[in-house]
Amino acid sequence: MIQAKRMEAFGTSIFTEIKKMKEEFIQRTGKEVIDFSIGSPNIAPASFIIDTMKEKMNDPENWKYAITDMDEMKEAIQQWYKDRYQVDLSYEEMICVSGSQQALSVLPMAICDPEDIVLVPDPYYPIFSDGPKIAGAKVHYMPLKEENQYLIQFDEIDEEIAKKAKLMVVSYPNNPTCAIAPDSFYEELIAFAHKYNILVLHDNAYSELVFDGKKGKSFLSFPKAKEIGVELNSFSKTFGMAGARLGVCVGNKEMIKAFDTLKSNMDYGIFKPIQYAAIEALKNGKESIQSTCLAYQRRRDAMVKAFKEIGWNIPSTPATMFMWAKIPDSYTDSMAFVEDLLEKAGVVMTPGQAFGQEGKRYVRIALVQDEQEIYKAAQQIKEAKIF
């Protein structure tokens, strides 16, 4: 058999499946599809970010291997974290990554041995679970319930599991549930991690997409967090640089060193023009961050209003670029709903069960269409009489 045994734990990505469904529908019907599935931002980076990258691409020297992160890049990250989150970082406490996905897939290999236990929320972004599986670790899921505001309930984690756990993956603002966490949650998380000697990997990709005047925080801004964990931050959602594949991993020096050692055997660093564009984004991107956040907030408001008018009451998400919505009781699960929605209304979303068993009665809706398309989608769903 050609395929490795570890591949038995993996299937085709849900986004690949949805793309195939969408293409087959278009080919069969000739109709257009309004796509709310994958969270690929359609808000472009600020022009000065694009211009910087263009300029730096014209320098032949920048086409050589970067190998390591540029000092100017580290300085910009250092200043950003200090100004934005009041967190001090040394150069040894940071590393650039080819998108948060790289860190989420490689870091578990650097710190987990086969059979180690990794605590993962459910529902979860797929790589939260897949990364530990690639490393051969065992995944123990922590249910996120609506009645608990989708927060991890630490007192419900079996003590024997906690004692054996090596790593915990946490993410707020949360994808896919869109939940945000209060300060008390982070204090409880850090105390729990210290008590059981568990390392924490906090995905903070959506800290700049918090709505209604509120501001996201950094896990590392809380006392003793850096002693037990690292945090990921992304340029994809914050600055619209999704295709550039750039993020940062910051925090615990030993975790960063282990990750850096393994990563150095896998790639040759981040393309320098991307680093230069990111430096400009960190230094001068405050206004673009605010305008991007407001754009997603307007889309959220439009979706809540438009879908309520057709009988689908969707909670007003407090953060991220998604909505997390319950499906009608008449459907067996979210995949059945998604298939029916595409077939009858020409609208596609992501089934919640793709994010774990706790998502079976939900769909995730990406706010990647403008208000006009949102109202158009609502009208098509209304005409399909799904609600």
Protein backbone atom coordinates (compact mmCIF):
# COMPACT_ATOMS: atom_id res chain seq x y z
CA MET A 1 0.00 0.00 0.00
CA ILE A 2 1.43 3.38 -1.03
CA GLN A 3 -0.42 5.52 1.52
CA ALA A 4 1.03 5.80 5.04
CA LYS A 5 -1.07 4.53 7.94
CA ARG A 6 -1.23 8.02 9.40
CA MET A 7 -3.34 9.03 6.40
CA GLU A 8 -6.18 6.92 7.74
CA ALA A 9 -6.90 9.80 10.13
CA PHE A 10 -7.49 12.24 7.28
CA GLY A 11 -10.10 12.80 4.62
CA THR A 12 -10.42 15.34 1.83
CA SER A 13 -10.67 18.92 3.12
CA ILE A 14 -14.25 20.14 3.48
CA PHE A 15 -13.35 23.20 1.42
CA THR A 16 -12.19 20.96 -1.43
CA GLU A 17 -15.46 19.05 -1.22
CA ILE A 18 -17.51 22.24 -1.26
CA LYS A 19 -15.58 23.60 -4.23
CA LYS A 20 -16.32 20.38 -6.11
CA MET A 21 -20.03 20.57 -5.18
CA LYS A 22 -20.15 24.17 -6.34
CA GLU A 23 -18.43 23.47 -9.68
CA GLU A 24 -20.70 20.49 -10.39
CA PHE A 25 -23.77 22.60 -9.63
CA ILE A 26 -22.65 25.41 -11.96
CA GLN A 27 -21.79 22.96 -14.76
CA ARG A 28 -25.12 21.16 -14.39
CA THR A 29 -27.41 24.19 -14.02
CA GLY A 30 -25.51 27.07 -15.59
CA LYS A 31 -26.44 29.18 -12.55
CA GLU A 32 -24.14 31.35 -10.48
CA VAL A 33 -23.47 30.51 -6.83
CA ILE A 34 -23.23 32.94 -3.95
CA ASP A 35 -20.37 31.53 -1.90
CA PHE A 36 -20.16 32.03 1.87
CA SER A 37 -18.03 28.94 2.53
CA ILE A 38 -14.28 29.54 2.72
CA GLY A 39 -12.98 32.45 4.78
CA SER A 40 -10.81 33.97 2.07
CA PRO A 41 -10.99 37.76 2.53
CA ASN A 42 -12.20 39.75 -0.47
CA ILE A 43 -11.02 43.02 1.08
CA ALA A 44 -7.66 43.79 -0.52
CA PRO A 45 -4.64 45.09 1.40
CA ALA A 46 -4.16 48.86 1.57
CA SER A 47 -2.52 50.22 -1.57
CA PHE A 48 0.69 51.16 0.23
CA ILE A 49 1.16 47.52 1.28
CA ILE A 50 0.77 46.34 -2.32
CA ASP A 51 3.04 49.12 -3.59
CA THR A 52 5.75 48.17 -1.11
CA MET A 53 5.70 44.58 -2.23
CA LYS A 54 5.83 45.59 -5.90
CA GLU A 55 8.81 47.84 -5.24
CA LYS A 56 10.75 45.22 -3.30
CA MET A 57 10.08 42.58 -5.93
CA ASN A 58 12.01 44.71 -8.42
CA ASP A 59 15.21 44.27 -6.39
CA PRO A 60 17.01 41.06 -7.54
CA GLU A 61 18.61 40.72 -4.10
CA ASN A 62 15.18 40.09 -2.57
CA TRP A 63 14.70 36.96 -4.68
CA LYS A 64 17.36 35.07 -2.73
CA TYR A 65 16.51 32.76 0.16
CA ALA A 66 15.58 34.73 3.26
CA ILE A 67 16.68 31.82 5.53
CA THR A 68 15.70 33.71 8.69
CA ASP A 69 13.39 36.61 9.55
CA MET A 70 14.81 40.04 8.80
CA ASP A 71 15.76 42.15 11.82
CA GLU A 72 13.49 44.91 10.53
CA MET A 73 10.61 42.44 10.56
CA LYS A 74 11.33 41.37 14.12
CA GLU A 75 11.57 44.97 15.23
CA ALA A 76 8.19 45.75 13.65
CA ILE A 77 6.55 42.73 15.36
CA GLN A 78 8.15 43.71 18.65
CA GLN A 79 6.84 47.28 18.41
CA TRP A 80 3.38 46.14 17.25
CA TYR A 81 2.93 43.83 20.24
CA LYS A 82 4.13 46.50 22.65
CA ASP A 83 1.87 49.23 21.24
CA ARG A 84 -1.19 47.09 20.53
CA TYR A 85 -1.19 44.58 23.41
CA GLN A 86 1.33 46.01 25.91
CA VAL A 87 3.38 42.84 25.56
CA ASP A 88 7.19 42.95 25.54
CA LEU A 89 8.90 40.41 23.28
CA SER A 90 12.54 39.58 22.67
CA TYR A 91 13.72 38.43 19.26
CA GLU A 92 14.05 34.91 20.70
CA GLU A 93 10.33 34.96 21.49
CA MET A 94 9.10 35.36 17.92
CA ILE A 95 9.21 33.67 14.53
CA CYS A 96 7.47 34.32 11.22
CA VAL A 97 5.45 31.51 9.69
CA SER A 98 3.94 30.80 6.28
CA GLY A 99 0.46 31.46 7.62
CA SER A 100 -0.87 30.26 10.96
CA GLN A 101 -1.60 26.90 9.30
CA GLN A 102 2.14 26.18 9.19
CA ALA A 103 2.56 26.70 12.91
CA LEU A 104 -0.57 24.70 13.73
CA SER A 105 0.68 21.76 11.66
CA VAL A 106 4.42 21.87 12.47
CA LEU A 107 4.59 23.02 16.09
CA PRO A 108 2.87 19.88 17.45
CA MET A 109 5.58 17.79 15.74
CA ALA A 110 8.22 19.85 17.51
CA ILE A 111 6.81 19.43 21.01
CA CYS A 112 4.62 16.30 21.01
CA ASP A 113 5.71 12.67 20.96
CA PRO A 114 3.50 9.92 19.54
CA GLU A 115 0.65 9.10 21.95
CA ASP A 116 0.93 12.43 23.81
CA ILE A 117 -2.49 13.94 24.50
CA VAL A 118 -3.49 17.26 22.95
CA LEU A 119 -6.61 19.06 24.16
CA VAL A 120 -8.61 20.56 21.28
CA PRO A 121 -11.92 22.47 21.38
CA ASP A 122 -14.95 21.09 19.54
CA PRO A 123 -16.05 22.66 17.25
CA TYR A 124 -12.58 23.43 15.94
CA TYR A 125 -10.84 24.79 12.88
CA PRO A 126 -9.69 21.58 11.12
CA ILE A 127 -5.93 22.07 11.52
CA PHE A 128 -6.38 22.38 15.31
CA SER A 129 -7.10 18.65 15.28
CA ASP A 130 -5.14 17.62 12.21
CA GLY A 131 -1.84 19.12 13.40
CA PRO A 132 -1.61 16.89 16.49
CA LYS A 133 -2.70 13.88 14.42
CA ILE A 134 0.16 14.50 11.99
CA ALA A 135 2.47 14.38 15.00
CA GLY A 136 0.98 11.05 16.08
CA ALA A 137 -0.56 12.56 19.19
CA LYS A 138 -3.95 11.62 20.63
CA VAL A 139 -6.63 14.30 20.46
CA HIS A 140 -9.04 14.80 23.35
CA TYR A 141 -11.92 17.13 22.50
CA MET A 142 -13.31 19.82 24.79
CA PRO A 143 -16.96 20.58 23.90
CA LEU A 144 -17.87 24.23 23.30
CA LYS A 145 -21.56 24.65 24.12
CA GLU A 146 -23.85 27.54 23.25
CA GLU A 147 -25.18 27.59 26.81
CA ASN A 148 -21.62 28.21 28.02
CA GLN A 149 -21.01 31.00 25.49
CA TYR A 150 -18.75 28.53 23.64
CA LEU A 151 -16.09 28.77 26.34
CA ILE A 152 -13.95 25.81 27.42
CA GLN A 153 -15.18 24.40 30.73
CA PHE A 154 -11.95 23.51 32.52
CA ASP A 155 -13.72 21.85 35.45
CA GLU A 156 -15.28 19.34 33.03
CA ILE A 157 -11.92 18.08 31.73
CA ASP A 158 -11.16 14.70 33.26
CA GLU A 159 -8.29 15.10 35.73
CA GLU A 160 -6.49 12.00 34.48
CA ILE A 161 -6.63 13.39 30.94
CA ALA A 162 -5.37 16.77 32.17
CA LYS A 163 -2.43 15.14 33.95
CA LYS A 164 -1.37 13.36 30.75
CA ALA A 165 -1.98 16.27 28.35
CA LYS A 166 1.07 17.88 26.71
CA LEU A 167 -0.59 20.66 24.71
CA MET A 168 -3.85 22.59 24.59
CA VAL A 169 -5.09 24.47 21.52
CA VAL A 170 -7.22 27.54 22.30
CA SER A 171 -8.64 30.21 20.01
CA TYR A 172 -10.58 33.37 20.86
CA PRO A 173 -12.10 35.18 19.06
CA ASN A 174 -13.15 31.72 18.02
CA ASN A 175 -13.40 30.14 14.60
CA PRO A 176 -16.01 28.80 13.88
CA THR A 177 -18.29 29.85 16.77
CA CYS A 178 -17.28 33.55 16.69
CA ALA A 179 -17.22 33.65 20.51
CA ILE A 180 -15.00 36.00 22.48
CA ALA A 181 -13.52 35.26 25.89
CA PRO A 182 -13.55 37.49 28.98
CA ASP A 183 -10.40 38.22 31.01
CA SER A 184 -11.51 35.72 33.65
CA PHE A 185 -11.32 32.94 31.06
CA TYR A 186 -7.67 33.63 30.29
CA GLU A 187 -6.84 33.78 33.98
CA GLU A 188 -8.51 30.39 34.45
CA LEU A 189 -6.76 28.99 31.36
CA ILE A 190 -3.31 30.03 32.57
CA ALA A 191 -3.93 28.67 36.08
CA PHE A 192 -5.15 25.35 34.61
CA ALA A 193 -2.13 25.07 32.31
CA HIS A 194 0.29 25.77 35.17
CA LYS A 195 -1.45 23.30 37.47
CA TYR A 196 -1.18 20.41 35.00
CA ASN A 197 2.01 21.51 33.21
CA ILE A 198 0.25 21.86 29.85
CA LEU A 199 1.61 23.99 27.02
CA VAL A 200 -0.84 26.37 25.35
CA LEU A 201 -1.10 27.26 21.66
CA HIS A 202 -3.41 30.27 21.33
CA ASP A 203 -4.62 31.21 17.85
CA ASN A 204 -5.36 34.95 17.88
CA ALA A 205 -6.03 35.44 14.17
CA TYR A 206 -9.15 37.54 14.71
CA SER A 207 -8.11 39.94 17.48
CA GLU A 208 -8.50 42.89 15.08
CA LEU A 209 -11.96 41.83 13.94
CA VAL A 210 -13.89 42.51 17.15
CA PHE A 211 -17.05 44.55 16.65
CA ASP A 212 -19.18 47.20 18.32
CA GLY A 213 -16.26 49.25 19.63
CA LYS A 214 -14.64 46.44 21.60
CA LYS A 215 -10.96 45.49 21.27
CA GLY A 216 -9.40 42.06 21.16
CA LYS A 217 -6.60 41.17 23.54
CA SER A 218 -3.52 38.99 23.51
CA PHE A 219 -3.27 35.85 25.60
CA LEU A 220 0.30 36.93 26.35
CA SER A 221 -0.88 40.15 28.02
CA PHE A 222 -1.98 38.11 31.05
CA PRO A 223 0.49 37.30 33.86
CA LYS A 224 2.45 34.03 33.55
CA ALA A 225 1.06 33.29 30.07
CA LYS A 226 4.45 33.44 28.42
CA GLU A 227 5.73 30.79 30.83
CA ILE A 228 3.42 28.17 29.35
CA GLY A 229 2.41 29.22 25.87
CA VAL A 230 2.70 30.86 22.49
CA GLU A 231 0.29 32.86 20.38
CA LEU A 232 -0.34 33.01 16.66
CA ASN A 233 -1.27 36.19 14.85
CA SER A 234 -2.17 36.49 11.19
CA PHE A 235 -1.70 39.04 8.42
CA SER A 236 -4.41 37.27 6.39
CA LYS A 237 -7.45 38.63 8.19
CA THR A 238 -5.91 41.76 9.77
CA PHE A 239 -4.39 43.20 6.60
CA GLY A 240 -6.06 41.20 3.81
CA MET A 241 -2.79 39.44 2.94
CA ALA A 242 -4.22 35.90 2.85
CA GLY A 243 -2.47 34.86 -0.36
CA ALA A 244 0.90 36.07 0.93
CA ARG A 245 0.77 33.38 3.64
CA LEU A 246 2.29 35.20 6.58
CA GLY A 247 1.77 35.01 10.31
CA VAL A 248 3.77 35.25 13.51
CA CYS A 249 4.26 32.87 16.41
CA VAL A 250 5.28 34.63 19.61
CA GLY A 251 5.72 33.79 23.27
CA ASN A 252 7.48 31.03 25.18
CA LYS A 253 11.15 31.00 24.20
CA GLU A 254 11.61 27.23 24.47
CA MET A 255 8.57 26.48 22.33
CA ILE A 256 9.73 28.99 19.73
CA LYS A 257 13.22 27.45 19.69
CA ALA A 258 11.86 23.92 19.19
CA PHE A 259 9.58 25.13 16.40
CA ASP A 260 12.37 27.14 14.77
CA THR A 261 14.73 24.16 14.79
CA LEU A 262 12.23 21.93 13.00
CA LYS A 263 11.05 24.68 10.65
CA SER A 264 14.65 25.45 9.60
CA ASN A 265 14.84 21.94 8.17
CA MET A 266 11.64 22.42 6.18
CA ASP A 267 11.87 25.80 4.47
CA TYR A 268 14.14 28.73 3.67
CA GLY A 269 12.22 31.54 5.30
CA ILE A 270 9.59 34.05 4.18
CA PHE A 271 9.98 35.70 0.76
CA LYS A 272 11.61 39.06 1.53
CA PRO A 273 9.14 41.27 -0.40
CA ILE A 274 6.37 39.77 1.74
CA GLN A 275 8.33 40.67 4.88
CA TYR A 276 8.82 44.23 3.65
CA ALA A 277 5.09 44.56 2.89
CA ALA A 278 4.29 43.23 6.35
CA ILE A 279 6.62 45.74 7.98
CA GLU A 280 4.75 48.56 6.26
CA ALA A 281 1.44 47.03 7.33
CA LEU A 282 2.50 46.86 10.98
CA LYS A 283 3.89 50.38 10.97
CA ASN A 284 1.21 52.19 8.98
CA GLY A 285 -1.84 49.95 8.76
CA LYS A 286 -3.95 51.22 11.64
CA GLU A 287 -6.52 52.96 9.44
CA SER A 288 -6.84 49.96 7.12
CA ILE A 289 -7.45 47.69 10.13
CA GLN A 290 -10.27 49.94 11.31
CA SER A 291 -11.89 50.17 7.87
CA THR A 292 -11.67 46.39 7.40
CA CYS A 293 -13.28 45.74 10.78
CA LEU A 294 -16.10 48.17 10.02
CA ALA A 295 -16.68 46.54 6.63
CA TYR A 296 -17.15 43.13 8.25
CA GLN A 297 -19.39 44.66 10.90
CA ARG A 298 -21.62 46.16 8.20
CA ARG A 299 -21.83 42.78 6.49
CA ARG A 300 -22.72 41.14 9.79
CA ASP A 301 -25.50 43.67 10.37
CA ALA A 302 -26.81 43.21 6.83
CA MET A 303 -26.87 39.44 7.21
CA VAL A 304 -28.66 39.51 10.57
CA LYS A 305 -31.30 41.87 9.14
CA ALA A 306 -31.76 40.20 5.74
CA PHE A 307 -31.94 36.66 7.08
CA LYS A 308 -34.26 37.59 9.94
CA GLU A 309 -36.72 38.91 7.38
CA ILE A 310 -36.90 35.46 5.75
CA GLY A 311 -37.31 33.62 9.07
CA TRP A 312 -33.70 32.68 9.89
CA ASN A 313 -32.68 34.25 13.19
CA ILE A 314 -28.88 34.36 13.29
CA PRO A 315 -27.10 35.70 16.39
CA SER A 316 -25.18 38.93 15.88
CA THR A 317 -21.61 37.69 15.94
CA PRO A 318 -19.34 39.72 18.28
CA ALA A 319 -16.13 39.06 16.31
CA THR A 320 -14.34 37.32 13.40
CA MET A 321 -15.38 37.32 9.74
CA PHE A 322 -17.98 34.58 10.21
CA MET A 323 -21.50 33.87 11.45
CA TRP A 324 -22.39 30.68 13.34
CA ALA A 325 -26.00 29.79 12.66
CA LYS A 326 -28.37 27.00 13.68
CA ILE A 327 -30.02 25.00 10.93
CA PRO A 328 -33.75 24.17 10.82
CA ASP A 329 -34.87 21.15 12.88
CA SER A 330 -36.22 19.48 9.76
CA TYR A 331 -32.70 18.61 8.53
CA THR A 332 -30.82 15.55 9.79
CA ASP A 333 -27.52 17.42 9.94
CA SER A 334 -25.70 20.47 8.60
CA MET A 335 -24.37 18.70 5.50
CA ALA A 336 -27.92 17.85 4.41
CA PHE A 337 -28.86 21.50 4.90
CA VAL A 338 -25.86 22.77 2.93
CA GLU A 339 -26.61 20.43 0.02
CA ASP A 340 -30.27 21.52 -0.04
CA LEU A 341 -29.34 25.19 0.22
CA LEU A 342 -27.04 24.90 -2.79
CA GLU A 343 -29.51 22.88 -4.86
CA LYS A 344 -32.57 25.02 -4.15
CA ALA A 345 -31.14 28.49 -3.60
CA GLY A 346 -27.72 28.55 -5.27
CA VAL A 347 -26.09 29.57 -1.99
CA VAL A 348 -23.22 27.68 -0.36
CA MET A 349 -22.02 27.66 3.26
CA THR A 350 -19.79 25.38 5.33
CA PRO A 351 -21.48 22.58 7.31
CA GLY A 352 -20.74 22.88 11.01
CA GLN A 353 -20.06 19.17 11.35
CA ALA A 354 -16.87 19.72 9.33
CA PHE A 355 -15.61 21.43 12.49
CA GLY A 356 -16.50 18.55 14.82
CA GLN A 357 -19.51 16.80 16.28
CA GLU A 358 -20.58 19.86 18.26
CA GLY A 359 -21.18 21.64 14.96
CA LYS A 360 -23.68 19.14 13.60
CA ARG A 361 -26.67 21.50 13.96
CA TYR A 362 -24.89 24.62 12.70
CA VAL A 363 -23.40 26.18 9.58
CA ARG A 364 -20.51 28.61 9.36
CA ILE A 365 -21.15 31.59 7.11
CA ALA A 366 -18.11 33.54 5.89
CA LEU A 367 -18.68 37.29 5.51
CA VAL A 368 -16.82 37.38 2.21
CA GLN A 369 -19.59 38.92 0.10
CA ASP A 370 -20.67 42.56 0.10
CA GLU A 371 -24.07 43.73 1.34
CA GLN A 372 -25.69 43.56 -2.10
CA GLU A 373 -24.81 39.87 -2.46
CA ILE A 374 -26.00 39.18 1.09
CA TYR A 375 -29.45 40.60 0.33
CA LYS A 376 -29.50 38.72 -2.97
CA ALA A 377 -28.70 35.47 -1.15
CA ALA A 378 -31.48 36.10 1.35
CA GLN A 379 -33.96 36.63 -1.49
CA GLN A 380 -32.90 33.41 -3.21
CA ILE A 381 -33.28 31.47 0.04
CA LYS A 382 -36.72 33.03 0.54
CA GLU A 383 -37.81 32.02 -2.93
CA ALA A 384 -36.56 28.48 -2.29
CA LYS A 385 -38.91 28.30 0.74
CA ILE A 386 -36.29 26.69 2.95
CA PHE A 387 -37.56 28.67 5.95
